[in-house]
Amino acid sequence: MNFRSLVLALLTVLQCASVQPVWAQGSSLVLPPEEIEATIQSIDRPENRLVLVERNLEVFATNPRQLDGLSVGQKVRLRYQQQSGKPIILIVAPLPK
């Protein structure tokens, strides 16, 4: 390998090492949905929020009508998904007593 090839190889390596990775702006992390059966600890209707006894989990409704017919102490089946770090309710259904 001659001197000229060595310099060219070295410059190529240095050029590649200086490249910065590019990330999409505004991207959000969306995890697969989870399904649990839980008891409602509290309902915050102005914030569209449920707090569940199990795991002390807070989940948020995208539509206030998702919380209609729910009450504290009620057992529910809940399907939710983490979207940008916030657990969002996909489906909530009361369980029979």
Protein backbone atom coordinates (compact mmCIF):
# COMPACT_ATOMS: atom_id res chain seq x y z
CA MET A 1 0.00 0.00 0.00
CA ASN A 2 1.52 3.28 -1.01
CA PHE A 3 1.43 6.54 0.91
CA ARG A 4 -1.33 8.05 -1.21
CA SER A 5 -3.71 5.10 -0.58
CA LEU A 6 -2.97 5.21 3.14
CA VAL A 7 -3.79 8.94 3.36
CA LEU A 8 -7.00 8.43 1.35
CA ALA A 9 -8.09 5.55 3.62
CA LEU A 10 -7.34 7.61 6.73
CA LEU A 11 -9.33 10.60 5.44
CA THR A 12 -12.27 8.34 4.59
CA VAL A 13 -12.30 6.84 8.09
CA LEU A 14 -12.12 10.27 9.72
CA GLN A 15 -14.94 11.56 7.52
CA CYS A 16 -17.20 8.64 8.46
CA ALA A 17 -16.39 9.03 12.17
CA SER A 18 -17.49 12.68 12.18
CA VAL A 19 -21.03 11.97 10.87
CA GLN A 20 -23.75 12.74 13.43
CA PRO A 21 -26.80 10.47 13.61
CA VAL A 22 -30.07 12.13 12.63
CA TRP A 23 -33.25 11.46 14.64
CA ALA A 24 -36.75 12.28 13.52
CA GLN A 25 -38.16 15.23 15.40
CA GLY A 26 -41.47 14.79 17.16
CA SER A 27 -41.24 11.04 17.22
CA SER A 28 -43.06 9.29 20.04
CA LEU A 29 -42.64 5.95 21.72
CA VAL A 30 -45.67 3.69 21.43
CA LEU A 31 -45.56 0.35 23.23
CA PRO A 32 -47.79 -2.67 22.57
CA PRO A 33 -51.14 -2.65 24.41
CA GLU A 34 -51.48 -4.31 27.81
CA GLU A 35 -54.63 -5.82 29.28
CA ILE A 36 -55.34 -6.12 33.02
CA GLU A 37 -58.23 -6.70 35.41
CA ALA A 38 -58.17 -4.14 38.20
CA THR A 39 -60.21 -2.30 40.83
CA ILE A 40 -60.82 1.44 40.45
CA GLN A 41 -59.28 3.40 43.33
CA SER A 42 -60.33 6.86 42.14
CA ILE A 43 -61.86 8.64 39.15
CA ASP A 44 -60.83 12.16 38.17
CA ARG A 45 -63.40 13.13 35.54
CA PRO A 46 -62.08 16.67 34.86
CA GLU A 47 -58.66 15.16 34.02
CA ASN A 48 -60.13 12.03 32.32
CA ARG A 49 -58.03 9.90 34.67
CA LEU A 50 -58.51 6.58 36.46
CA VAL A 51 -56.29 5.38 39.30
CA LEU A 52 -56.27 1.62 39.77
CA VAL A 53 -55.51 -0.25 43.00
CA GLU A 54 -53.29 -2.76 41.22
CA ARG A 55 -49.83 -1.28 40.60
CA ASN A 56 -51.22 2.13 41.66
CA LEU A 57 -51.56 2.70 37.93
CA GLU A 58 -52.86 5.96 36.48
CA VAL A 59 -54.48 5.70 33.05
CA PHE A 60 -55.99 8.45 30.93
CA ALA A 61 -59.11 8.43 28.76
CA THR A 62 -58.99 10.09 25.36
CA ASN A 63 -62.76 10.60 25.51
CA PRO A 64 -64.68 11.47 28.71
CA ARG A 65 -67.43 9.02 27.67
CA GLN A 66 -64.98 6.16 28.33
CA LEU A 67 -65.47 6.84 32.06
CA ASP A 68 -69.30 6.83 31.92
CA GLY A 69 -70.87 4.19 34.16
CA LEU A 70 -67.68 3.57 36.16
CA SER A 71 -67.47 3.98 39.94
CA VAL A 72 -64.87 3.71 42.69
CA GLY A 73 -64.40 0.13 43.92
CA GLN A 74 -65.65 -1.37 40.68
CA LYS A 75 -63.64 -4.15 38.98
CA VAL A 76 -62.88 -3.51 35.33
CA ARG A 77 -61.06 -5.10 32.43
CA LEU A 78 -58.77 -2.50 30.97
CA ARG A 79 -56.75 -2.42 27.77
CA TYR A 80 -54.27 0.45 27.64
CA GLN A 81 -51.20 1.50 25.73
CA GLN A 82 -48.18 3.64 26.62
CA GLN A 83 -48.02 6.55 24.17
CA SER A 84 -45.16 9.01 24.70
CA GLY A 85 -44.85 7.84 28.30
CA LYS A 86 -48.54 8.31 29.13
CA PRO A 87 -50.84 5.29 29.62
CA ILE A 88 -53.88 5.79 27.37
CA ILE A 89 -57.11 3.79 27.76
CA LEU A 90 -58.06 1.86 24.64
CA ILE A 91 -60.96 -0.15 26.13
CA VAL A 92 -62.45 -0.22 29.61
CA ALA A 93 -65.30 -2.56 30.52
CA PRO A 94 -66.91 -3.32 33.91
CA LEU A 95 -66.61 -6.92 35.09
CA PRO A 96 -69.69 -8.75 36.34
CA LYS A 97 -69.95 -8.99 40.12
